[in-house]
Amino acid sequence: MVKFKIKKVKENAIIPCYAKQGDAGMDLFSTEKYILKPGERVLVSTGISTEFPEGYELQIRPRSGLALKKGISLVNTPGTIDAGYRGEIGVIVINLGQDVFEINPGDKIAQAVLNKFETAEIEVCDSLSETERGIGGFGSTGVAKQ
């Protein structure tokens, strides 16, 4: 288990929590009221800052229920909070739906997943190994099973 420290930077902040035993994502909550018209985006305050070990990132992800039912997502998904960041966590929420969406203090707005990662050792070279796919890019594998 990894030590994950949370500091409230706003009095009405709600500490992130797992909704169910074994869940990967912790719910994040708004501290403010926002009204989002279709197509609008806003930086939602969570009222918390965090501390966790190097070698981990905190990924901020949309909530699937809000995405499906209301068209609410995150602009930079997944967002990454680095281990060295100590500021307030803000969530960039966008309304991709057709109706006005209201966020109230205490509403679940996103989920956060603590993720272990490896740092790459970068090696500059003149050539790369050949593969079956090669330089085929977007759509090069088709859309149907062959």
C-alpha atoms as a PDB file:
ATOM      1  CA  MET A   1       0.000   0.000   0.000  1.00  0.00           C
ATOM      2  CA  VAL A   2       1.249   3.489  -0.924  1.00  0.00           C
ATOM      3  CA  LYS A   3       1.080   6.441   1.467  1.00  0.00           C
ATOM      4  CA  PHE A   4      -1.158   9.110  -0.080  1.00  0.00           C
ATOM      5  CA  LYS A   5      -1.453  12.377   1.838  1.00  0.00           C
ATOM      6  CA  ILE A   6      -4.304  14.826   1.306  1.00  0.00           C
ATOM      7  CA  LYS A   7      -4.444  18.403   2.561  1.00  0.00           C
ATOM      8  CA  LYS A   8      -7.644  20.424   2.574  1.00  0.00           C
ATOM      9  CA  VAL A   9      -6.943  23.865   1.098  1.00  0.00           C
ATOM     10  CA  LYS A  10     -10.603  24.905   1.298  1.00  0.00           C
ATOM     11  CA  GLU A  11     -12.746  24.370   4.372  1.00  0.00           C
ATOM     12  CA  ASN A  12     -15.622  22.759   2.461  1.00  0.00           C
ATOM     13  CA  ALA A  13     -13.398  20.284   0.597  1.00  0.00           C
ATOM     14  CA  ILE A  14     -14.451  16.647   0.725  1.00  0.00           C
ATOM     15  CA  ILE A  15     -11.645  14.114   1.076  1.00  0.00           C
ATOM     16  CA  PRO A  16     -11.500  11.800  -1.982  1.00  0.00           C
ATOM     17  CA  CYS A  17     -12.763   8.312  -1.280  1.00  0.00           C
ATOM     18  CA  TYR A  18     -13.344   4.964  -2.927  1.00  0.00           C
ATOM     19  CA  ALA A  19     -17.068   4.314  -3.432  1.00  0.00           C
ATOM     20  CA  LYS A  20     -16.656   0.546  -3.122  1.00  0.00           C
ATOM     21  CA  GLN A  21     -13.997  -1.819  -1.779  1.00  0.00           C
ATOM     22  CA  GLY A  22     -11.534  -2.666  -4.567  1.00  0.00           C
ATOM     23  CA  ASP A  23     -12.358   0.335  -6.804  1.00  0.00           C
ATOM     24  CA  ALA A  24      -9.415   1.778  -8.757  1.00  0.00           C
ATOM     25  CA  GLY A  25     -10.677   5.355  -8.721  1.00  0.00           C
ATOM     26  CA  MET A  26     -11.299   7.709  -5.819  1.00  0.00           C
ATOM     27  CA  ASP A  27     -14.176  10.146  -6.253  1.00  0.00           C
ATOM     28  CA  LEU A  28     -13.260  13.840  -6.468  1.00  0.00           C
ATOM     29  CA  PHE A  29     -15.765  16.471  -5.339  1.00  0.00           C
ATOM     30  CA  SER A  30     -16.472  20.081  -6.295  1.00  0.00           C
ATOM     31  CA  THR A  31     -16.185  22.854  -3.715  1.00  0.00           C
ATOM     32  CA  GLU A  32     -17.996  25.468  -5.818  1.00  0.00           C
ATOM     33  CA  LYS A  33     -21.137  25.937  -7.917  1.00  0.00           C
ATOM     34  CA  TYR A  34     -20.778  26.069 -11.696  1.00  0.00           C
ATOM     35  CA  ILE A  35     -23.260  26.271 -14.567  1.00  0.00           C
ATOM     36  CA  LEU A  36     -21.996  24.827 -17.861  1.00  0.00           C
ATOM     37  CA  LYS A  37     -23.832  25.504 -21.095  1.00  0.00           C
ATOM     38  CA  PRO A  38     -23.334  23.001 -23.928  1.00  0.00           C
ATOM     39  CA  GLY A  39     -19.781  23.343 -25.273  1.00  0.00           C
ATOM     40  CA  GLU A  40     -18.486  25.239 -22.228  1.00  0.00           C
ATOM     41  CA  ARG A  41     -15.611  24.153 -20.013  1.00  0.00           C
ATOM     42  CA  VAL A  42     -14.560  25.221 -16.537  1.00  0.00           C
ATOM     43  CA  LEU A  43     -11.798  24.552 -14.027  1.00  0.00           C
ATOM     44  CA  VAL A  44     -13.574  22.921 -11.088  1.00  0.00           C
ATOM     45  CA  SER A  45     -12.070  23.383  -7.635  1.00  0.00           C
ATOM     46  CA  THR A  46     -11.621  20.275  -5.479  1.00  0.00           C
ATOM     47  CA  GLY A  47     -10.236  22.144  -2.472  1.00  0.00           C
ATOM     48  CA  ILE A  48      -7.439  19.593  -1.926  1.00  0.00           C
ATOM     49  CA  SER A  49      -3.740  19.174  -2.572  1.00  0.00           C
ATOM     50  CA  THR A  50      -1.841  15.886  -2.399  1.00  0.00           C
ATOM     51  CA  GLU A  51       1.492  14.240  -1.670  1.00  0.00           C
ATOM     52  CA  PHE A  52       2.554  10.804  -2.871  1.00  0.00           C
ATOM     53  CA  PRO A  53       5.877   9.116  -3.732  1.00  0.00           C
ATOM     54  CA  GLU A  54       7.958   9.715  -6.854  1.00  0.00           C
ATOM     55  CA  GLY A  55       7.351   7.032  -9.459  1.00  0.00           C
ATOM     56  CA  TYR A  56       3.584   7.576  -9.200  1.00  0.00           C
ATOM     57  CA  GLU A  57       1.152   9.933 -10.903  1.00  0.00           C
ATOM     58  CA  LEU A  58      -2.410  10.771 -10.001  1.00  0.00           C
ATOM     59  CA  GLN A  59      -4.549  10.326 -13.123  1.00  0.00           C
ATOM     60  CA  ILE A  60      -7.736  12.381 -13.250  1.00  0.00           C
ATOM     61  CA  ARG A  61     -10.448  10.641 -15.272  1.00  0.00           C
ATOM     62  CA  PRO A  62     -14.089  11.291 -16.203  1.00  0.00           C
ATOM     63  CA  ARG A  63     -16.940   9.568 -14.399  1.00  0.00           C
ATOM     64  CA  SER A  64     -18.603   7.139 -16.797  1.00  0.00           C
ATOM     65  CA  GLY A  65     -22.127   7.855 -15.553  1.00  0.00           C
ATOM     66  CA  LEU A  66     -21.777  11.604 -16.153  1.00  0.00           C
ATOM     67  CA  ALA A  67     -20.277  10.934 -19.582  1.00  0.00           C
ATOM     68  CA  LEU A  68     -23.059   8.599 -20.704  1.00  0.00           C
ATOM     69  CA  LYS A  69     -26.061  10.292 -19.112  1.00  0.00           C
ATOM     70  CA  LYS A  70     -25.105  13.977 -19.359  1.00  0.00           C
ATOM     71  CA  GLY A  71     -22.243  14.252 -21.886  1.00  0.00           C
ATOM     72  CA  ILE A  72     -19.868  15.544 -19.205  1.00  0.00           C
ATOM     73  CA  SER A  73     -16.180  14.775 -19.686  1.00  0.00           C
ATOM     74  CA  LEU A  74     -12.715  16.146 -18.980  1.00  0.00           C
ATOM     75  CA  VAL A  75     -10.825  18.155 -21.575  1.00  0.00           C
ATOM     76  CA  ASN A  76      -7.423  16.593 -20.888  1.00  0.00           C
ATOM     77  CA  THR A  77      -8.303  13.047 -20.028  1.00  0.00           C
ATOM     78  CA  PRO A  78      -6.587  11.519 -18.323  1.00  0.00           C
ATOM     79  CA  GLY A  79      -5.098  14.517 -16.608  1.00  0.00           C
ATOM     80  CA  THR A  80      -1.850  13.899 -14.755  1.00  0.00           C
ATOM     81  CA  ILE A  81      -0.890  15.254 -11.338  1.00  0.00           C
ATOM     82  CA  ASP A  82       2.847  14.767 -10.799  1.00  0.00           C
ATOM     83  CA  ALA A  83       4.334  13.725  -7.453  1.00  0.00           C
ATOM     84  CA  GLY A  84       6.069  17.079  -7.013  1.00  0.00           C
ATOM     85  CA  TYR A  85       2.929  19.217  -7.428  1.00  0.00           C
ATOM     86  CA  ARG A  86       1.584  20.692  -4.193  1.00  0.00           C
ATOM     87  CA  GLY A  87      -1.075  23.097  -5.478  1.00  0.00           C
ATOM     88  CA  GLU A  88      -4.820  22.646  -5.421  1.00  0.00           C
ATOM     89  CA  ILE A  89      -6.124  19.974  -7.767  1.00  0.00           C
ATOM     90  CA  GLY A  90      -8.435  21.458 -10.365  1.00  0.00           C
ATOM     91  CA  VAL A  91     -10.442  19.424 -12.866  1.00  0.00           C
ATOM     92  CA  ILE A  92     -11.108  20.780 -16.379  1.00  0.00           C
ATOM     93  CA  VAL A  93     -14.722  19.759 -16.988  1.00  0.00           C
ATOM     94  CA  ILE A  94     -16.454  20.140 -20.370  1.00  0.00           C
ATOM     95  CA  ASN A  95     -20.134  19.874 -21.257  1.00  0.00           C
ATOM     96  CA  LEU A  96     -20.380  17.868 -24.479  1.00  0.00           C
ATOM     97  CA  GLY A  97     -24.082  17.306 -23.907  1.00  0.00           C
ATOM     98  CA  GLN A  98     -27.074  19.219 -25.264  1.00  0.00           C
ATOM     99  CA  ASP A  99     -28.388  20.546 -21.959  1.00  0.00           C
ATOM    100  CA  VAL A 100     -27.114  23.014 -19.362  1.00  0.00           C
ATOM    101  CA  PHE A 101     -25.285  21.121 -16.596  1.00  0.00           C
ATOM    102  CA  GLU A 102     -25.096  22.306 -13.002  1.00  0.00           C
ATOM    103  CA  ILE A 103     -22.269  21.380 -10.631  1.00  0.00           C
ATOM    104  CA  ASN A 104     -22.870  22.040  -6.934  1.00  0.00           C
ATOM    105  CA  PRO A 105     -20.536  21.936  -3.932  1.00  0.00           C
ATOM    106  CA  GLY A 106     -20.186  18.314  -2.858  1.00  0.00           C
ATOM    107  CA  ASP A 107     -20.966  16.858  -6.304  1.00  0.00           C
ATOM    108  CA  LYS A 108     -18.752  14.046  -7.598  1.00  0.00           C
ATOM    109  CA  ILE A 109     -17.041  15.463 -10.679  1.00  0.00           C
ATOM    110  CA  ALA A 110     -14.238  13.065 -11.590  1.00  0.00           C
ATOM    111  CA  GLN A 111     -12.208  10.158 -10.322  1.00  0.00           C
ATOM    112  CA  ALA A 112      -8.532   9.938  -9.436  1.00  0.00           C
ATOM    113  CA  VAL A 113      -6.392   6.848  -9.930  1.00  0.00           C
ATOM    114  CA  LEU A 114      -2.928   6.545  -8.381  1.00  0.00           C
ATOM    115  CA  ASN A 115      -0.771   4.957 -11.059  1.00  0.00           C
ATOM    116  CA  LYS A 116       2.786   3.633 -10.883  1.00  0.00           C
ATOM    117  CA  PHE A 117       4.951   4.436 -13.904  1.00  0.00           C
ATOM    118  CA  GLU A 118       8.477   3.971 -15.188  1.00  0.00           C
ATOM    119  CA  THR A 119      10.720   6.768 -16.418  1.00  0.00           C
ATOM    120  CA  ALA A 120      12.200   6.172 -19.870  1.00  0.00           C
ATOM    121  CA  GLU A 121      15.901   6.331 -20.647  1.00  0.00           C
ATOM    122  CA  ILE A 122      15.972   8.297 -23.894  1.00  0.00           C
ATOM    123  CA  GLU A 123      18.374   7.143 -26.585  1.00  0.00           C
ATOM    124  CA  VAL A 124      18.690   9.188 -29.774  1.00  0.00           C
ATOM    125  CA  CYS A 125      19.392   6.973 -32.813  1.00  0.00           C
ATOM    126  CA  ASP A 126      19.492   7.063 -36.638  1.00  0.00           C
ATOM    127  CA  SER A 127      17.194   4.076 -37.254  1.00  0.00           C
ATOM    128  CA  LEU A 128      14.535   1.928 -35.603  1.00  0.00           C
ATOM    129  CA  SER A 129      13.834  -1.792 -35.957  1.00  0.00           C
ATOM    130  CA  GLU A 130      11.440  -2.954 -38.699  1.00  0.00           C
ATOM    131  CA  THR A 131       7.927  -4.185 -37.752  1.00  0.00           C
ATOM    132  CA  GLU A 132       4.949  -5.610 -39.626  1.00  0.00           C
ATOM    133  CA  ARG A 133       3.014  -2.360 -39.159  1.00  0.00           C
ATOM    134  CA  GLY A 134       5.952  -0.117 -40.009  1.00  0.00           C
ATOM    135  CA  ILE A 135       4.986   3.532 -40.439  1.00  0.00           C
ATOM    136  CA  GLY A 136       1.240   2.859 -40.870  1.00  0.00           C
ATOM    137  CA  GLY A 137      -0.574   5.470 -38.801  1.00  0.00           C
ATOM    138  CA  PHE A 138      -4.130   6.524 -38.085  1.00  0.00           C
ATOM    139  CA  GLY A 139      -6.590   3.982 -39.469  1.00  0.00           C
ATOM    140  CA  SER A 140      -3.920   1.807 -41.053  1.00  0.00           C
ATOM    141  CA  THR A 141      -5.245  -1.356 -39.393  1.00  0.00           C
ATOM    142  CA  GLY A 142      -8.829  -0.782 -40.622  1.00  0.00           C
ATOM    143  CA  VAL A 143     -12.081  -0.816 -38.681  1.00  0.00           C
ATOM    144  CA  ALA A 144     -13.318  -4.398 -39.183  1.00  0.00           C
ATOM    145  CA  LYS A 145     -11.807  -7.724 -38.130  1.00  0.00           C
ATOM    146  CA  GLN A 146      -9.978  -9.199 -41.127  1.00  0.00           C
END
